[in-house]
PDB file of N, CA and C in Angstrom:
ATOM      1  N   GLU A   1     -38.656  23.729  -1.813  1.00  0.00           N
ATOM      2  CA  GLU A   1     -38.689  22.616  -2.759  1.00  0.00           C
ATOM      3  C   GLU A   1     -37.118  21.491  -2.309  1.00  0.00           C
ATOM      4  N   ARG A   2     -37.807  20.871  -2.480  1.00  0.00           N
ATOM      5  CA  ARG A   2     -35.575  19.959  -2.752  1.00  0.00           C
ATOM      6  C   ARG A   2     -34.854  21.133  -3.673  1.00  0.00           C
ATOM      7  N   ARG A   3     -34.874  20.481  -4.559  1.00  0.00           N
ATOM      8  CA  ARG A   3     -34.439  21.035  -5.594  1.00  0.00           C
ATOM      9  C   ARG A   3     -33.759  22.298  -5.822  1.00  0.00           C
ATOM     10  N   GLU A   4     -34.963  23.555  -5.006  1.00  0.00           N
ATOM     11  CA  GLU A   4     -34.305  24.875  -4.784  1.00  0.00           C
ATOM     12  C   GLU A   4     -33.446  24.561  -3.951  1.00  0.00           C
ATOM     13  N   ARG A   5     -33.159  24.279  -2.861  1.00  0.00           N
ATOM     14  CA  ARG A   5     -33.060  23.900  -1.283  1.00  0.00           C
ATOM     15  C   ARG A   5     -31.305  23.643  -1.985  1.00  0.00           C
ATOM     16  N   LEU A   6     -30.839  22.151  -2.221  1.00  0.00           N
ATOM     17  CA  LEU A   6     -29.902  21.928  -3.010  1.00  0.00           C
ATOM     18  C   LEU A   6     -29.051  23.310  -4.183  1.00  0.00           C
ATOM     19  N   LEU A   7     -29.969  24.249  -5.126  1.00  0.00           N
ATOM     20  CA  LEU A   7     -29.088  25.049  -5.485  1.00  0.00           C
ATOM     21  C   LEU A   7     -28.469  26.279  -4.726  1.00  0.00           C
ATOM     22  N   GLU A   8     -29.454  26.397  -3.133  1.00  0.00           N
ATOM     23  CA  GLU A   8     -29.111  27.669  -2.407  1.00  0.00           C
ATOM     24  C   GLU A   8     -27.854  27.240  -2.326  1.00  0.00           C
ATOM     25  N   ARG A   9     -26.573  26.376  -2.063  1.00  0.00           N
ATOM     26  CA  ARG A   9     -25.900  26.837  -1.786  1.00  0.00           C
ATOM     27  C   ARG A   9     -25.323  25.700  -3.012  1.00  0.00           C
ATOM     28  N   PRO A  10     -24.973  26.065  -3.805  1.00  0.00           N
ATOM     29  CA  PRO A  10     -23.490  25.127  -4.842  1.00  0.00           C
ATOM     30  C   PRO A  10     -22.668  24.708  -5.108  1.00  0.00           C
ATOM     31  N   GLU A  11     -22.254  25.310  -4.276  1.00  0.00           N
ATOM     32  CA  GLU A  11     -20.831  24.848  -3.746  1.00  0.00           C
ATOM     33  C   GLU A  11     -21.008  23.686  -2.677  1.00  0.00           C
ATOM     34  N   ARG A  12     -21.454  23.561  -2.050  1.00  0.00           N
ATOM     35  CA  ARG A  12     -21.794  22.622  -1.242  1.00  0.00           C
ATOM     36  C   ARG A  12     -21.970  21.394  -2.161  1.00  0.00           C
ATOM     37  N   ALA A  13     -22.992  21.141  -2.977  1.00  0.00           N
ATOM     38  CA  ALA A  13     -23.656  20.826  -3.698  1.00  0.00           C
ATOM     39  C   ALA A  13     -22.524  19.757  -5.174  1.00  0.00           C
ATOM     40  N   VAL A  14     -21.753  20.863  -5.764  1.00  0.00           N
ATOM     41  CA  VAL A  14     -20.721  20.259  -6.466  1.00  0.00           C
ATOM     42  C   VAL A  14     -19.777  19.820  -5.363  1.00  0.00           C
ATOM     43  N   ALA A  15     -19.480  20.260  -4.443  1.00  0.00           N
ATOM     44  CA  ALA A  15     -18.085  19.645  -3.493  1.00  0.00           C
ATOM     45  C   ALA A  15     -18.493  17.830  -2.481  1.00  0.00           C
ATOM     46  N   THR A  16     -19.709  17.685  -2.704  1.00  0.00           N
ATOM     47  CA  THR A  16     -20.785  16.778  -2.781  1.00  0.00           C
ATOM     48  C   THR A  16     -20.645  15.451  -2.964  1.00  0.00           C
ATOM     49  N   ALA A  17     -20.544  16.079  -4.153  1.00  0.00           N
ATOM     50  CA  ALA A  17     -21.285  15.082  -5.483  1.00  0.00           C
ATOM     51  C   ALA A  17     -19.949  14.639  -6.044  1.00  0.00           C
ATOM     52  N   ARG A  18     -18.547  15.643  -6.058  1.00  0.00           N
ATOM     53  CA  ARG A  18     -16.692  15.660  -6.222  1.00  0.00           C
ATOM     54  C   ARG A  18     -16.472  14.260  -5.499  1.00  0.00           C
ATOM     55  N   PHE A  19     -16.766  14.530  -4.405  1.00  0.00           N
ATOM     56  CA  PHE A  19     -16.514  13.407  -3.216  1.00  0.00           C
ATOM     57  C   PHE A  19     -17.115  12.516  -3.535  1.00  0.00           C
ATOM     58  N   LEU A  20     -17.513  12.224  -3.627  1.00  0.00           N
ATOM     59  CA  LEU A  20     -18.911  11.240  -3.870  1.00  0.00           C
ATOM     60  C   LEU A  20     -17.698  10.150  -5.333  1.00  0.00           C
ATOM     61  N   GLU A  21     -18.209  10.964  -6.509  1.00  0.00           N
ATOM     62  CA  GLU A  21     -17.620  10.474  -7.379  1.00  0.00           C
ATOM     63  C   GLU A  21     -15.930   9.965  -7.643  1.00  0.00           C
ATOM     64  N   LEU A  22     -15.359  10.402  -6.691  1.00  0.00           N
ATOM     65  CA  LEU A  22     -14.069  10.415  -6.083  1.00  0.00           C
ATOM     66  C   LEU A  22     -13.702   9.202  -5.782  1.00  0.00           C
ATOM     67  N   LEU A  23     -14.335   8.610  -3.943  1.00  0.00           N
ATOM     68  CA  LEU A  23     -14.453   7.690  -3.831  1.00  0.00           C
ATOM     69  C   LEU A  23     -14.736   6.819  -4.560  1.00  0.00           C
ATOM     70  N   VAL A  24     -15.760   6.673  -4.693  1.00  0.00           N
ATOM     71  CA  VAL A  24     -16.324   5.260  -5.668  1.00  0.00           C
ATOM     72  C   VAL A  24     -15.165   5.158  -6.983  1.00  0.00           C
ATOM     73  N   ARG A  25     -14.937   5.983  -7.741  1.00  0.00           N
ATOM     74  CA  ARG A  25     -13.947   5.922  -8.617  1.00  0.00           C
ATOM     75  C   ARG A  25     -12.179   5.286  -8.519  1.00  0.00           C
ATOM     76  N   ASP A  26     -12.368   6.295  -7.511  1.00  0.00           N
ATOM     77  CA  ASP A  26     -10.824   5.978  -6.877  1.00  0.00           C
ATOM     78  C   ASP A  26     -11.007   4.208  -5.914  1.00  0.00           C
ATOM     79  N   GLY A  27     -11.480   4.005  -5.702  1.00  0.00           N
ATOM     80  CA  GLY A  27     -12.304   2.450  -5.003  1.00  0.00           C
ATOM     81  C   GLY A  27     -12.478   1.757  -5.986  1.00  0.00           C
ATOM     82  N   ALA A  28     -12.792   1.776  -6.669  1.00  0.00           N
ATOM     83  CA  ALA A  28     -13.047   0.771  -8.203  1.00  0.00           C
ATOM     84  C   ALA A  28     -11.686   1.052  -8.862  1.00  0.00           C
ATOM     85  N   ALA A  29     -10.981   2.106  -9.262  1.00  0.00           N
ATOM     86  CA  ALA A  29      -9.902   1.390  -9.381  1.00  0.00           C
ATOM     87  C   ALA A  29      -8.957   0.616  -8.579  1.00  0.00           C
ATOM     88  N   ALA A  30      -8.341   0.951  -7.408  1.00  0.00           N
ATOM     89  CA  ALA A  30      -8.011   0.057  -6.441  1.00  0.00           C
ATOM     90  C   ALA A  30      -9.006  -1.335  -6.269  1.00  0.00           C
ATOM     91  N   LEU A  31      -9.787  -1.320  -6.367  1.00  0.00           N
ATOM     92  CA  LEU A  31     -10.046  -3.007  -6.552  1.00  0.00           C
ATOM     93  C   LEU A  31      -9.630  -3.492  -7.415  1.00  0.00           C
ATOM     94  N   VAL A  32     -10.143  -2.696  -8.454  1.00  0.00           N
ATOM     95  CA  VAL A  32      -9.753  -3.458 -10.390  1.00  0.00           C
ATOM     96  C   VAL A  32      -8.060  -3.680 -10.411  1.00  0.00           C
ATOM     97  N   ALA A  33      -7.684  -2.791  -9.777  1.00  0.00           N
ATOM     98  CA  ALA A  33      -6.134  -2.861  -9.599  1.00  0.00           C
ATOM     99  C   ALA A  33      -5.488  -4.130  -8.919  1.00  0.00           C
ATOM    100  N   VAL A  34      -5.778  -4.049  -8.264  1.00  0.00           N
ATOM    101  CA  VAL A  34      -5.436  -5.419  -7.438  1.00  0.00           C
ATOM    102  C   VAL A  34      -6.313  -6.972  -7.508  1.00  0.00           C
ATOM    103  N   LEU A  35      -7.347  -7.138  -8.058  1.00  0.00           N
ATOM    104  CA  LEU A  35      -7.881  -8.077  -8.073  1.00  0.00           C
ATOM    105  C   LEU A  35      -6.908  -8.504  -9.908  1.00  0.00           C
ATOM    106  N   ALA A  36      -6.755  -7.596 -10.513  1.00  0.00           N
ATOM    107  CA  ALA A  36      -6.398  -7.817 -12.530  1.00  0.00           C
ATOM    108  C   ALA A  36      -4.718  -8.454 -12.134  1.00  0.00           C
ATOM    109  N   TYR A  37      -4.329  -7.696 -11.237  1.00  0.00           N
ATOM    110  CA  TYR A  37      -2.871  -8.005 -11.062  1.00  0.00           C
ATOM    111  C   TYR A  37      -2.657  -9.580  -9.726  1.00  0.00           C
ATOM    112  N   ARG A  38      -3.745  -9.346  -8.899  1.00  0.00           N
ATOM    113  CA  ARG A  38      -3.830 -11.217  -8.508  1.00  0.00           C
ATOM    114  C   ARG A  38      -4.001 -11.877  -9.612  1.00  0.00           C
ATOM    115  N   ALA A  39      -4.369 -11.676 -10.643  1.00  0.00           N
ATOM    116  CA  ALA A  39      -5.253 -12.501 -11.846  1.00  0.00           C
ATOM    117  C   ALA A  39      -4.364 -12.554 -12.708  1.00  0.00           C
ATOM    118  N   SER A  40      -3.583 -11.402 -13.520  1.00  0.00           N
ATOM    119  CA  SER A  40      -2.691 -12.002 -14.299  1.00  0.00           C
ATOM    120  C   SER A  40      -1.931 -10.800 -14.247  1.00  0.00           C
ATOM    121  N   GLY A  41      -1.287 -10.086 -13.340  1.00  0.00           N
ATOM    122  CA  GLY A  41       0.225  -9.436 -13.410  1.00  0.00           C
ATOM    123  C   GLY A  41       0.115  -8.046 -13.646  1.00  0.00           C
ATOM    124  N   GLY A  42       0.832  -7.034 -13.752  1.00  0.00           N
ATOM    125  CA  GLY A  42       1.223  -6.500 -13.964  1.00  0.00           C
ATOM    126  C   GLY A  42       0.332  -5.503 -14.761  1.00  0.00           C
ATOM    127  N   LEU A  43       0.540  -6.723 -15.948  1.00  0.00           N
ATOM    128  CA  LEU A  43       0.169  -6.125 -17.639  1.00  0.00           C
ATOM    129  C   LEU A  43      -0.991  -6.116 -17.478  1.00  0.00           C
ATOM    130  N   GLY A  44      -1.246  -7.549 -16.676  1.00  0.00           N
ATOM    131  CA  GLY A  44      -3.054  -7.191 -16.509  1.00  0.00           C
ATOM    132  C   GLY A  44      -3.541  -5.939 -16.373  1.00  0.00           C
ATOM    133  N   ALA A  45      -3.112  -5.546 -14.489  1.00  0.00           N
ATOM    134  CA  ALA A  45      -3.087  -4.613 -13.812  1.00  0.00           C
ATOM    135  C   ALA A  45      -3.991  -3.237 -14.751  1.00  0.00           C
ATOM    136  N   ALA A  46      -2.564  -2.762 -15.565  1.00  0.00           N
ATOM    137  CA  ALA A  46      -2.417  -1.859 -16.617  1.00  0.00           C
ATOM    138  C   ALA A  46      -3.815  -1.748 -17.481  1.00  0.00           C
ATOM    139  N   ALA A  47      -4.241  -2.799 -17.433  1.00  0.00           N
ATOM    140  CA  ALA A  47      -5.483  -3.215 -19.370  1.00  0.00           C
ATOM    141  C   ALA A  47      -6.336  -2.439 -18.472  1.00  0.00           C
ATOM    142  N   ALA A  48      -6.819  -3.758 -17.368  1.00  0.00           N
ATOM    143  CA  ALA A  48      -7.704  -3.338 -16.190  1.00  0.00           C
ATOM    144  C   ALA A  48      -8.121  -2.148 -16.183  1.00  0.00           C
ATOM    145  N   ILE A  49      -7.222  -1.009 -15.337  1.00  0.00           N
ATOM    146  CA  ILE A  49      -7.036   0.050 -15.368  1.00  0.00           C
ATOM    147  C   ILE A  49      -7.505   1.014 -16.915  1.00  0.00           C
ATOM    148  N   ALA A  50      -6.661   0.475 -17.430  1.00  0.00           N
ATOM    149  CA  ALA A  50      -7.349   1.429 -18.797  1.00  0.00           C
ATOM    150  C   ALA A  50      -8.611   0.990 -19.571  1.00  0.00           C
ATOM    151  N   ALA A  51      -8.917  -0.679 -19.115  1.00  0.00           N
ATOM    152  CA  ALA A  51     -10.520  -0.592 -19.626  1.00  0.00           C
ATOM    153  C   ALA A  51     -11.095   0.514 -18.537  1.00  0.00           C
ATOM    154  N   LEU A  52     -11.285   0.277 -17.392  1.00  0.00           N
ATOM    155  CA  LEU A  52     -11.885   0.724 -16.555  1.00  0.00           C
ATOM    156  C   LEU A  52     -12.290   2.283 -16.714  1.00  0.00           C
ATOM    157  N   THR A  53     -11.244   2.912 -16.759  1.00  0.00           N
ATOM    158  CA  THR A  53     -11.209   4.120 -17.464  1.00  0.00           C
ATOM    159  C   THR A  53     -11.776   4.965 -18.346  1.00  0.00           C
ATOM    160  N   LEU A  54     -11.908   3.807 -19.429  1.00  0.00           N
ATOM    161  CA  LEU A  54     -12.921   3.922 -20.685  1.00  0.00           C
ATOM    162  C   LEU A  54     -14.578   4.281 -20.390  1.00  0.00           C
ATOM    163  N   ALA A  55     -14.279   2.896 -19.853  1.00  0.00           N
ATOM    164  CA  ALA A  55     -15.477   2.547 -19.101  1.00  0.00           C
ATOM    165  C   ALA A  55     -16.257   3.474 -18.878  1.00  0.00           C
ATOM    166  N   ALA A  56     -15.405   4.114 -17.518  1.00  0.00           N
ATOM    167  CA  ALA A  56     -15.569   5.362 -16.541  1.00  0.00           C
ATOM    168  C   ALA A  56     -15.795   6.470 -17.141  1.00  0.00           C
ATOM    169  N   LEU A  57     -15.418   7.191 -17.865  1.00  0.00           N
ATOM    170  CA  LEU A  57     -15.746   7.950 -19.468  1.00  0.00           C
ATOM    171  C   LEU A  57     -16.859   8.020 -19.495  1.00  0.00           C
ATOM    172  N   VAL A  58     -17.037   6.989 -20.470  1.00  0.00           N
ATOM    173  CA  VAL A  58     -18.556   6.678 -21.017  1.00  0.00           C
ATOM    174  C   VAL A  58     -19.366   6.850 -20.289  1.00  0.00           C
ATOM    175  N   VAL A  59     -19.550   5.750 -19.068  1.00  0.00           N
ATOM    176  CA  VAL A  59     -20.587   5.168 -18.033  1.00  0.00           C
ATOM    177  C   VAL A  59     -21.236   6.565 -17.318  1.00  0.00           C
ATOM    178  N   CYS A  60     -19.962   6.988 -16.357  1.00  0.00           N
ATOM    179  CA  CYS A  60     -19.802   7.892 -15.571  1.00  0.00           C
ATOM    180  C   CYS A  60     -19.835   9.294 -15.537  1.00  0.00           C
ATOM    181  N   GLU A  61     -19.223   9.610 -16.574  1.00  0.00           N
ATOM    182  CA  GLU A  61     -19.247  11.072 -17.251  1.00  0.00           C
ATOM    183  C   GLU A  61     -19.610  11.788 -18.042  1.00  0.00           C
ATOM    184  N   LEU A  62     -19.302  11.162 -19.564  1.00  0.00           N
ATOM    185  CA  LEU A  62     -19.841  11.601 -20.878  1.00  0.00           C
ATOM    186  C   LEU A  62     -21.589  11.564 -20.889  1.00  0.00           C
ATOM    187  N   ALA A  63     -22.165  10.101 -20.850  1.00  0.00           N
ATOM    188  CA  ALA A  63     -23.483  10.313 -20.371  1.00  0.00           C
ATOM    189  C   ALA A  63     -24.206  10.399 -19.700  1.00  0.00           C
ATOM    190  N   PRO A  64     -23.782  10.344 -18.629  1.00  0.00           N
ATOM    191  CA  PRO A  64     -24.917  11.283 -17.761  1.00  0.00           C
ATOM    192  C   PRO A  64     -24.494  12.741 -17.752  1.00  0.00           C
ATOM    193  N   LYS A  65     -23.799  13.297 -17.847  1.00  0.00           N
ATOM    194  CA  LYS A  65     -23.572  14.600 -17.899  1.00  0.00           C
ATOM    195  C   LYS A  65     -24.044  15.029 -18.947  1.00  0.00           C
ATOM    196  N   THR A  66     -24.089  14.426 -20.100  1.00  0.00           N
ATOM    197  CA  THR A  66     -24.892  14.744 -21.787  1.00  0.00           C
ATOM    198  C   THR A  66     -26.747  14.933 -21.462  1.00  0.00           C
ATOM    199  N   TRP A  67     -26.728  13.341 -20.684  1.00  0.00           N
ATOM    200  CA  TRP A  67     -27.945  13.352 -20.102  1.00  0.00           C
ATOM    201  C   TRP A  67     -28.500  14.570 -19.550  1.00  0.00           C
ATOM    202  N   GLY A  68     -27.684  14.620 -18.180  1.00  0.00           N
ATOM    203  CA  GLY A  68     -28.280  15.882 -17.441  1.00  0.00           C
ATOM    204  C   GLY A  68     -28.402  17.787 -18.049  1.00  0.00           C
ATOM    205  N   ALA A  69     -27.816  17.806 -19.164  1.00  0.00           N
ATOM    206  CA  ALA A  69     -27.275  18.724 -19.521  1.00  0.00           C
ATOM    207  C   ALA A  69     -28.650  19.315 -20.937  1.00  0.00           C
ATOM    208  N   LEU A  70     -29.157  17.804 -21.562  1.00  0.00           N
ATOM    209  CA  LEU A  70     -30.477  17.730 -22.033  1.00  0.00           C
ATOM    210  C   LEU A  70     -31.829  17.328 -21.919  1.00  0.00           C
ATOM    211  N   GLU A  71     -31.701  16.966 -20.398  1.00  0.00           N
ATOM    212  CA  GLU A  71     -33.259  17.053 -19.724  1.00  0.00           C
ATOM    213  C   GLU A  71     -32.880  17.613 -18.323  1.00  0.00           C
ATOM    214  N   PRO A  72     -32.637  18.518 -17.514  1.00  0.00           N
ATOM    215  CA  PRO A  72     -32.112  18.591 -16.312  1.00  0.00           C
ATOM    216  C   PRO A  72     -33.196  18.317 -15.344  1.00  0.00           C
ATOM    217  N   ASP A  73     -34.506  18.926 -15.740  1.00  0.00           N
ATOM    218  CA  ASP A  73     -35.279  19.126 -14.334  1.00  0.00           C
ATOM    219  C   ASP A  73     -36.022  17.039 -14.281  1.00  0.00           C
ATOM    220  N   ARG A  74     -35.689  16.283 -15.841  1.00  0.00           N
ATOM    221  CA  ARG A  74     -36.110  15.127 -15.938  1.00  0.00           C
ATOM    222  C   ARG A  74     -35.419  14.403 -14.429  1.00  0.00           C
ATOM    223  N   ILE A  75     -34.094  15.079 -14.601  1.00  0.00           N
ATOM    224  CA  ILE A  75     -33.132  14.211 -13.839  1.00  0.00           C
ATOM    225  C   ILE A  75     -32.996  14.486 -12.449  1.00  0.00           C
ATOM    226  N   ALA A  76     -33.199  16.193 -12.276  1.00  0.00           N
ATOM    227  CA  ALA A  76     -32.986  16.693 -10.720  1.00  0.00           C
ATOM    228  C   ALA A  76     -34.163  16.267 -10.101  1.00  0.00           C
ATOM    229  N   TYR A  77     -35.555  16.157 -10.564  1.00  0.00           N
ATOM    230  CA  TYR A  77     -36.589  15.930  -9.437  1.00  0.00           C
ATOM    231  C   TYR A  77     -36.214  14.365  -8.931  1.00  0.00           C
ATOM    232  N   PRO A  78     -36.199  13.703  -9.284  1.00  0.00           N
ATOM    233  CA  PRO A  78     -36.364  12.211  -8.626  1.00  0.00           C
ATOM    234  C   PRO A  78     -34.797  12.179  -8.137  1.00  0.00           C
ATOM    235  N   LEU A  79     -33.798  12.783  -8.206  1.00  0.00           N
ATOM    236  CA  LEU A  79     -32.390  12.440  -7.664  1.00  0.00           C
ATOM    237  C   LEU A  79     -32.877  13.504  -6.031  1.00  0.00           C
ATOM    238  N   ALA A  80     -33.136  14.433  -6.017  1.00  0.00           N
ATOM    239  CA  ALA A  80     -33.056  15.512  -5.139  1.00  0.00           C
ATOM    240  C   ALA A  80     -33.038  15.071  -3.611  1.00  0.00           C
ATOM    241  N   LEU A  81     -33.810  14.344  -3.476  1.00  0.00           N
ATOM    242  CA  LEU A  81     -33.712  13.395  -2.199  1.00  0.00           C
ATOM    243  C   LEU A  81     -32.908  12.555  -2.089  1.00  0.00           C
ATOM    244  N   PRO A  82     -32.466  11.723  -2.839  1.00  0.00           N
ATOM    245  CA  PRO A  82     -31.192  11.095  -2.381  1.00  0.00           C
ATOM    246  C   PRO A  82     -30.030  11.867  -2.069  1.00  0.00           C
ATOM    247  N   PHE A  83     -29.613  13.006  -2.938  1.00  0.00           N
ATOM    248  CA  PHE A  83     -28.641  13.864  -2.922  1.00  0.00           C
ATOM    249  C   PHE A  83     -28.965  14.645  -1.986  1.00  0.00           C
ATOM    250  N   GLU A  84     -29.903  14.895  -1.100  1.00  0.00           N
ATOM    251  CA  GLU A  84     -29.897  15.607  -0.381  1.00  0.00           C
ATOM    252  C   GLU A  84     -29.557  14.492   0.825  1.00  0.00           C
ATOM    253  N   TRP A  85     -29.663  12.959   0.740  1.00  0.00           N
ATOM    254  CA  TRP A  85     -29.782  12.220   2.083  1.00  0.00           C
ATOM    255  C   TRP A  85     -27.737  11.853   1.938  1.00  0.00           C
ATOM    256  N   LEU A  86     -27.435  11.962   0.778  1.00  0.00           N
ATOM    257  CA  LEU A  86     -26.325  12.289   0.706  1.00  0.00           C
ATOM    258  C   LEU A  86     -25.058  13.134   1.237  1.00  0.00           C
ATOM    259  N   GLN A  87     -25.847  14.273   1.109  1.00  0.00           N
ATOM    260  CA  GLN A  87     -25.193  15.437   1.248  1.00  0.00           C
ATOM    261  C   GLN A  87     -25.008  15.608   3.012  1.00  0.00           C
ATOM    262  N   ALA A  88     -26.104  15.221   3.432  1.00  0.00           N
ATOM    263  CA  ALA A  88     -26.434  14.998   4.998  1.00  0.00           C
ATOM    264  C   ALA A  88     -25.395  14.173   5.271  1.00  0.00           C
ATOM    265  N   ALA A  89     -25.169  13.171   5.162  1.00  0.00           N
ATOM    266  CA  ALA A  89     -24.625  11.810   5.488  1.00  0.00           C
ATOM    267  C   ALA A  89     -22.824  12.162   4.953  1.00  0.00           C
ATOM    268  N   THR A  90     -22.169  13.219   4.117  1.00  0.00           N
ATOM    269  CA  THR A  90     -20.706  13.665   4.062  1.00  0.00           C
ATOM    270  C   THR A  90     -20.183  14.960   4.734  1.00  0.00           C
ATOM    271  N   ARG A  91     -21.503  15.366   4.972  1.00  0.00           N
ATOM    272  CA  ARG A  91     -21.596  16.787   5.872  1.00  0.00           C
ATOM    273  C   ARG A  91     -20.022  17.231   6.429  1.00  0.00           C
ATOM    274  N   PRO A  92     -20.381  16.632   6.733  1.00  0.00           N
ATOM    275  CA  PRO A  92     -18.310  16.699   8.046  1.00  0.00           C
ATOM    276  C   PRO A  92     -17.325  16.202   7.084  1.00  0.00           C
ATOM    277  N   VAL A  93     -16.918  15.594   6.273  1.00  0.00           N
ATOM    278  CA  VAL A  93     -15.683  15.136   5.655  1.00  0.00           C
ATOM    279  C   VAL A  93     -15.793  16.207   4.519  1.00  0.00           C
ATOM    280  N   VAL A  94     -17.050  16.704   3.947  1.00  0.00           N
ATOM    281  CA  VAL A  94     -17.225  17.342   2.763  1.00  0.00           C
ATOM    282  C   VAL A  94     -17.033  19.504   3.768  1.00  0.00           C
ATOM    283  N   GLY A  95     -17.893  19.139   4.999  1.00  0.00           N
ATOM    284  CA  GLY A  95     -17.355  20.944   5.168  1.00  0.00           C
ATOM    285  C   GLY A  95     -16.009  21.026   5.334  1.00  0.00           C
ATOM    286  N   SER A  96     -14.956  19.987   5.933  1.00  0.00           N
ATOM    287  CA  SER A  96     -13.484  20.266   6.251  1.00  0.00           C
ATOM    288  C   SER A  96     -13.081  20.220   5.035  1.00  0.00           C
ATOM    289  N   LEU A  97     -13.096  18.840   3.939  1.00  0.00           N
ATOM    290  CA  LEU A  97     -12.666  19.614   2.632  1.00  0.00           C
ATOM    291  C   LEU A  97     -12.674  20.668   1.970  1.00  0.00           C
ATOM    292  N   GLN A  98     -13.912  21.651   2.422  1.00  0.00           N
ATOM    293  CA  GLN A  98     -14.564  22.967   1.772  1.00  0.00           C
ATOM    294  C   GLN A  98     -13.638  23.941   2.105  1.00  0.00           C
ATOM    295  N   ARG A  99     -13.310  23.598   3.623  1.00  0.00           N
ATOM    296  CA  ARG A  99     -12.444  24.622   4.525  1.00  0.00           C
ATOM    297  C   ARG A  99     -11.055  24.515   4.583  1.00  0.00           C
ATOM    298  N   ALA A 100     -10.526  23.039   4.217  1.00  0.00           N
ATOM    299  CA  ALA A 100      -9.088  23.317   3.672  1.00  0.00           C
ATOM    300  C   ALA A 100      -8.810  23.705   2.114  1.00  0.00           C
ATOM    301  N   SER A 101      -9.680  23.481   1.083  1.00  0.00           N
ATOM    302  CA  SER A 101      -9.758  24.558  -0.239  1.00  0.00           C
ATOM    303  C   SER A 101     -10.061  25.701   0.059  1.00  0.00           C
ATOM    304  N   ALA A 102     -10.335  26.265   1.399  1.00  0.00           N
ATOM    305  CA  ALA A 102     -10.831  27.491   1.433  1.00  0.00           C
ATOM    306  C   ALA A 102      -9.774  28.713   1.816  1.00  0.00           C
ATOM    307  N   ALA A 103      -8.455  27.144   3.007  1.00  0.00           N
ATOM    308  CA  ALA A 103      -7.704  27.789   3.815  1.00  0.00           C
ATOM    309  C   ALA A 103      -6.181  28.330   2.654  1.00  0.00           C
ATOM    310  N   LEU A 104      -6.252  27.166   1.352  1.00  0.00           N
ATOM    311  CA  LEU A 104      -5.272  26.430   0.239  1.00  0.00           C
ATOM    312  C   LEU A 104      -5.380  28.296  -0.484  1.00  0.00           C
ATOM    313  N   LEU A 105      -6.821  28.402  -0.737  1.00  0.00           N
ATOM    314  CA  LEU A 105      -7.065  29.495  -1.668  1.00  0.00           C
ATOM    315  C   LEU A 105      -6.641  31.168  -1.221  1.00  0.00           C
ATOM    316  N   SER A 106      -6.658  30.693   0.336  1.00  0.00           N
ATOM    317  CA  SER A 106      -6.045  32.304   0.687  1.00  0.00           C
ATOM    318  C   SER A 106      -5.541  32.647   1.171  1.00  0.00           C
ATOM    319  N   LEU A 107      -4.213  31.326   1.453  1.00  0.00           N
ATOM    320  CA  LEU A 107      -2.939  31.786   0.976  1.00  0.00           C
ATOM    321  C   LEU A 107      -2.771  32.072  -0.269  1.00  0.00           C
ATOM    322  N   ALA A 108      -3.506  31.841  -1.590  1.00  0.00           N
ATOM    323  CA  ALA A 108      -3.078  32.538  -2.414  1.00  0.00           C
ATOM    324  C   ALA A 108      -3.368  33.895  -2.774  1.00  0.00           C
ATOM    325  N   GLY A 109      -4.344  34.473  -2.017  1.00  0.00           N
ATOM    326  CA  GLY A 109      -4.929  35.598  -1.668  1.00  0.00           C
ATOM    327  C   GLY A 109      -6.125  35.337  -3.041  1.00  0.00           C
ATOM    328  N   ILE A 110      -6.418  33.999  -3.103  1.00  0.00           N
ATOM    329  CA  ILE A 110      -7.775  34.030  -3.837  1.00  0.00           C
ATOM    330  C   ILE A 110      -9.036  33.859  -2.804  1.00  0.00           C
ATOM    331  N   GLY A 111     -10.643  34.964  -2.813  1.00  0.00           N
ATOM    332  CA  GLY A 111     -10.940  34.234  -1.682  1.00  0.00           C
ATOM    333  C   GLY A 111     -12.602  33.909  -2.651  1.00  0.00           C
ATOM    334  N   ALA A 112     -13.041  32.598  -0.790  1.00  0.00           N
ATOM    335  CA  ALA A 112     -13.726  31.284  -1.959  1.00  0.00           C
ATOM    336  C   ALA A 112     -14.492  31.712  -0.339  1.00  0.00           C
ATOM    337  N   ARG A 113     -15.849  30.712  -0.303  1.00  0.00           N
ATOM    338  CA  ARG A 113     -16.713  30.754   0.221  1.00  0.00           C
ATOM    339  C   ARG A 113     -16.082  28.763   1.404  1.00  0.00           C
ATOM    340  N   GLY A 114     -16.077  28.831   2.457  1.00  0.00           N
ATOM    341  CA  GLY A 114     -15.717  27.160   2.946  1.00  0.00           C
ATOM    342  C   GLY A 114     -16.910  26.872   3.435  1.00  0.00           C
ATOM    343  N   GLY A 115     -17.007  25.647   4.473  1.00  0.00           N
ATOM    344  CA  GLY A 115     -18.466  24.690   3.947  1.00  0.00           C
ATOM    345  C   GLY A 115     -18.659  25.329   5.546  1.00  0.00           C
TER     346      GLY A 115
END
């Protein structure tokens, strides 16, 4: 079953989810900053970034993670297949990031599994 395959390598699933989350969040922040700066200058950009941060905290962090904790099976089953596709599409980048992370931890004397 898909869900169990994702759980076989939890570090890969976490790395994929974090990579995609940061990519979207940072891309949105950059876009909002540029558009707000062009529309209303530095103060407008600062206000827009603050508003985006609060919205992202609620919509992308608190609400979905609380829902996932309350109803994990209801969330996991429908999202397993699309997440597998995303994992496959990002595997080269995420694997490289995992290897870089493992190398950094190794330099500090901490063992970690790479991608």
